[in-house]
Amino acid sequence: MGFLDNAKDAAEATGRKIGETVEDAKDRIGDKVDEAKADAKVKQAEADVKKAEAERDTTEAKNDYKEQLRD
């Protein structure tokens, strides 16, 4: 009976270890997905800033030109 109990305990421990490994892998994948989403948001924000800066520069140039025409 001792051998069967030992085998059963070993199988349960192995099952728990496999479950933990799967959960860890799932968590790591989720972390990488979160990082990728955050990176995408940063890149979008950077693009939005560049667009806003370009619009500002265009407006300034237009206003400067209009001011020159008034003089």
N, C-alpha and C. Protein backbone atom coordinates (compact mmCIF):
# COMPACT_ATOMS: atom_id res chain seq x y z
N MET A 1 0.81 -1.18 0.00
CA MET A 1 0.00 0.00 0.00
C MET A 1 0.86 1.25 0.00
N GLY A 2 2.02 1.21 0.62
CA GLY A 2 2.91 2.37 0.69
C GLY A 2 3.36 2.83 -0.68
N PHE A 3 3.63 1.87 -1.54
CA PHE A 3 4.07 2.22 -2.89
C PHE A 3 2.98 2.96 -3.64
N LEU A 4 1.75 2.49 -3.53
CA LEU A 4 0.64 3.15 -4.21
C LEU A 4 0.38 4.54 -3.65
N ASP A 5 0.50 4.68 -2.35
CA ASP A 5 0.32 6.00 -1.73
C ASP A 5 1.40 6.97 -2.21
N ASN A 6 2.63 6.47 -2.29
CA ASN A 6 3.73 7.30 -2.76
C ASN A 6 3.53 7.70 -4.22
N ALA A 7 3.08 6.77 -5.03
CA ALA A 7 2.83 7.05 -6.44
C ALA A 7 1.70 8.06 -6.58
N LYS A 8 0.67 7.89 -5.77
CA LYS A 8 -0.47 8.82 -5.80
C LYS A 8 -0.02 10.22 -5.39
N ASP A 9 0.77 10.31 -4.32
CA ASP A 9 1.28 11.61 -3.88
C ASP A 9 2.16 12.25 -4.95
N ALA A 10 3.00 11.44 -5.58
CA ALA A 10 3.88 11.96 -6.63
C ALA A 10 3.06 12.46 -7.82
N ALA A 11 2.02 11.71 -8.18
CA ALA A 11 1.17 12.12 -9.30
C ALA A 11 0.44 13.42 -8.97
N GLU A 12 -0.06 13.54 -7.75
CA GLU A 12 -0.75 14.77 -7.34
C GLU A 12 0.21 15.96 -7.34
N ALA A 13 1.42 15.74 -6.85
CA ALA A 13 2.42 16.81 -6.83
C ALA A 13 2.79 17.23 -8.25
N THR A 14 2.92 16.24 -9.12
CA THR A 14 3.23 16.54 -10.52
C THR A 14 2.09 17.30 -11.17
N GLY A 15 0.88 16.90 -10.88
CA GLY A 15 -0.29 17.60 -11.42
C GLY A 15 -0.35 19.04 -10.95
N ARG A 16 -0.08 19.25 -9.66
CA ARG A 16 -0.06 20.62 -9.12
C ARG A 16 1.03 21.45 -9.80
N LYS A 17 2.20 20.85 -9.98
CA LYS A 17 3.33 21.55 -10.60
C LYS A 17 3.00 21.92 -12.04
N ILE A 18 2.38 21.00 -12.76
CA ILE A 18 1.98 21.28 -14.14
C ILE A 18 0.96 22.41 -14.17
N GLY A 19 0.00 22.36 -13.25
CA GLY A 19 -1.01 23.42 -13.17
C GLY A 19 -0.38 24.77 -12.88
N GLU A 20 0.57 24.80 -11.95
CA GLU A 20 1.26 26.05 -11.63
C GLU A 20 2.04 26.56 -12.84
N THR A 21 2.68 25.65 -13.55
CA THR A 21 3.46 26.03 -14.73
C THR A 21 2.56 26.62 -15.80
N VAL A 22 1.41 26.01 -15.99
CA VAL A 22 0.45 26.52 -16.98
C VAL A 22 -0.05 27.91 -16.56
N GLU A 23 -0.38 28.07 -15.30
CA GLU A 23 -0.83 29.38 -14.80
C GLU A 23 0.25 30.44 -14.96
N ASP A 24 1.49 30.08 -14.66
CA ASP A 24 2.61 31.02 -14.82
C ASP A 24 2.77 31.43 -16.28
N ALA A 25 2.67 30.45 -17.18
CA ALA A 25 2.79 30.75 -18.60
C ALA A 25 1.65 31.65 -19.06
N LYS A 26 0.46 31.37 -18.58
CA LYS A 26 -0.70 32.21 -18.92
C LYS A 26 -0.50 33.63 -18.42
N ASP A 27 -0.01 33.77 -17.20
CA ASP A 27 0.26 35.10 -16.65
C ASP A 27 1.33 35.84 -17.45
N ARG A 28 2.37 35.13 -17.83
CA ARG A 28 3.45 35.76 -18.61
C ARG A 28 2.92 36.24 -19.97
N ILE A 29 2.10 35.42 -20.59
CA ILE A 29 1.53 35.81 -21.88
C ILE A 29 0.63 37.03 -21.70
N GLY A 30 -0.17 37.02 -20.65
CA GLY A 30 -1.03 38.17 -20.36
C GLY A 30 -0.21 39.43 -20.12
N ASP A 31 0.91 39.29 -19.42
CA ASP A 31 1.79 40.43 -19.17
C ASP A 31 2.35 40.98 -20.48
N LYS A 32 2.75 40.10 -21.38
CA LYS A 32 3.29 40.53 -22.67
C LYS A 32 2.21 41.23 -23.50
N VAL A 33 1.00 40.72 -23.45
CA VAL A 33 -0.11 41.37 -24.16
C VAL A 33 -0.35 42.76 -23.59
N ASP A 34 -0.33 42.88 -22.27
CA ASP A 34 -0.51 44.18 -21.63
C ASP A 34 0.59 45.15 -22.04
N GLU A 35 1.84 44.66 -22.10
CA GLU A 35 2.95 45.50 -22.53
C GLU A 35 2.76 45.96 -23.96
N ALA A 36 2.34 45.05 -24.83
CA ALA A 36 2.13 45.41 -26.23
C ALA A 36 1.02 46.45 -26.36
N LYS A 37 -0.04 46.30 -25.60
CA LYS A 37 -1.13 47.28 -25.64
C LYS A 37 -0.64 48.64 -25.14
N ALA A 38 0.15 48.65 -24.08
CA ALA A 38 0.68 49.90 -23.54
C ALA A 38 1.61 50.56 -24.55
N ASP A 39 2.45 49.77 -25.20
CA ASP A 39 3.34 50.31 -26.23
C ASP A 39 2.55 50.92 -27.38
N ALA A 40 1.48 50.25 -27.76
CA ALA A 40 0.64 50.77 -28.84
C ALA A 40 0.01 52.10 -28.44
N LYS A 41 -0.42 52.21 -27.19
CA LYS A 41 -1.00 53.46 -26.71
C LYS A 41 0.04 54.58 -26.71
N VAL A 42 1.26 54.25 -26.30
CA VAL A 42 2.33 55.25 -26.29
C VAL A 42 2.62 55.71 -27.71
N LYS A 43 2.71 54.78 -28.63
CA LYS A 43 2.98 55.14 -30.02
C LYS A 43 1.85 56.00 -30.59
N GLN A 44 0.62 55.68 -30.25
CA GLN A 44 -0.52 56.48 -30.71
C GLN A 44 -0.46 57.87 -30.11
N ALA A 45 -0.13 57.94 -28.83
CA ALA A 45 -0.03 59.25 -28.16
C ALA A 45 1.08 60.08 -28.80
N GLU A 46 2.21 59.45 -29.10
CA GLU A 46 3.31 60.16 -29.75
C GLU A 46 2.88 60.67 -31.13
N ALA A 47 2.14 59.85 -31.86
CA ALA A 47 1.65 60.27 -33.17
C ALA A 47 0.66 61.43 -33.03
N ASP A 48 -0.18 61.37 -32.02
CA ASP A 48 -1.14 62.46 -31.78
C ASP A 48 -0.42 63.76 -31.45
N VAL A 49 0.64 63.66 -30.65
CA VAL A 49 1.41 64.85 -30.30
C VAL A 49 2.06 65.44 -31.54
N LYS A 50 2.66 64.58 -32.36
CA LYS A 50 3.30 65.07 -33.59
C LYS A 50 2.28 65.74 -34.50
N LYS A 51 1.11 65.15 -34.60
CA LYS A 51 0.05 65.73 -35.43
C LYS A 51 -0.36 67.09 -34.88
N ALA A 52 -0.54 67.18 -33.57
CA ALA A 52 -0.93 68.44 -32.94
C ALA A 52 0.16 69.49 -33.13
N GLU A 53 1.41 69.10 -32.99
CA GLU A 53 2.51 70.03 -33.20
C GLU A 53 2.55 70.52 -34.64
N ALA A 54 2.31 69.61 -35.58
CA ALA A 54 2.30 70.00 -36.99
C ALA A 54 1.15 70.97 -37.26
N GLU A 55 -0.01 70.71 -36.69
CA GLU A 55 -1.15 71.63 -36.86
C GLU A 55 -0.84 72.99 -36.25
N ARG A 56 -0.19 72.98 -35.09
CA ARG A 56 0.20 74.25 -34.45
C ARG A 56 1.17 75.02 -35.34
N ASP A 57 2.18 74.32 -35.85
CA ASP A 57 3.17 74.97 -36.71
C ASP A 57 2.53 75.52 -37.97
N THR A 58 1.60 74.77 -38.54
CA THR A 58 0.90 75.23 -39.74
C THR A 58 0.08 76.47 -39.44
N THR A 59 -0.61 76.46 -38.32
CA THR A 59 -1.43 77.62 -37.94
C THR A 59 -0.54 78.84 -37.69
N GLU A 60 0.57 78.64 -37.02
CA GLU A 60 1.50 79.75 -36.78
C GLU A 60 2.02 80.31 -38.09
N ALA A 61 2.39 79.43 -39.01
CA ALA A 61 2.90 79.88 -40.30
C ALA A 61 1.82 80.64 -41.06
N LYS A 62 0.61 80.14 -41.03
CA LYS A 62 -0.51 80.82 -41.71
C LYS A 62 -0.74 82.19 -41.11
N ASN A 63 -0.74 82.26 -39.78
CA ASN A 63 -0.96 83.53 -39.10
C ASN A 63 0.17 84.52 -39.37
N ASP A 64 1.41 84.02 -39.40
CA ASP A 64 2.54 84.89 -39.73
C ASP A 64 2.41 85.44 -41.14
N TYR A 65 2.02 84.60 -42.06
CA TYR A 65 1.84 85.03 -43.46
C TYR A 65 0.74 86.09 -43.55
N LYS A 66 -0.37 85.86 -42.87
CA LYS A 66 -1.47 86.82 -42.88
C LYS A 66 -1.03 88.14 -42.26
N GLU A 67 -0.21 88.06 -41.21
CA GLU A 67 0.28 89.28 -40.57
C GLU A 67 1.19 90.07 -41.53
N GLN A 68 2.00 89.34 -42.29
CA GLN A 68 2.88 90.01 -43.27
C GLN A 68 2.05 90.70 -44.34
N LEU A 69 0.96 90.09 -44.74
CA LEU A 69 0.09 90.70 -45.76
C LEU A 69 -0.55 91.97 -45.24
N ARG A 70 -0.80 92.03 -43.95
CA ARG A 70 -1.43 93.23 -43.38
C ARG A 70 -0.48 94.42 -43.32
N ASP A 71 0.81 94.14 -43.23
CA ASP A 71 1.78 95.24 -43.12
C ASP A 71 2.03 95.95 -44.40
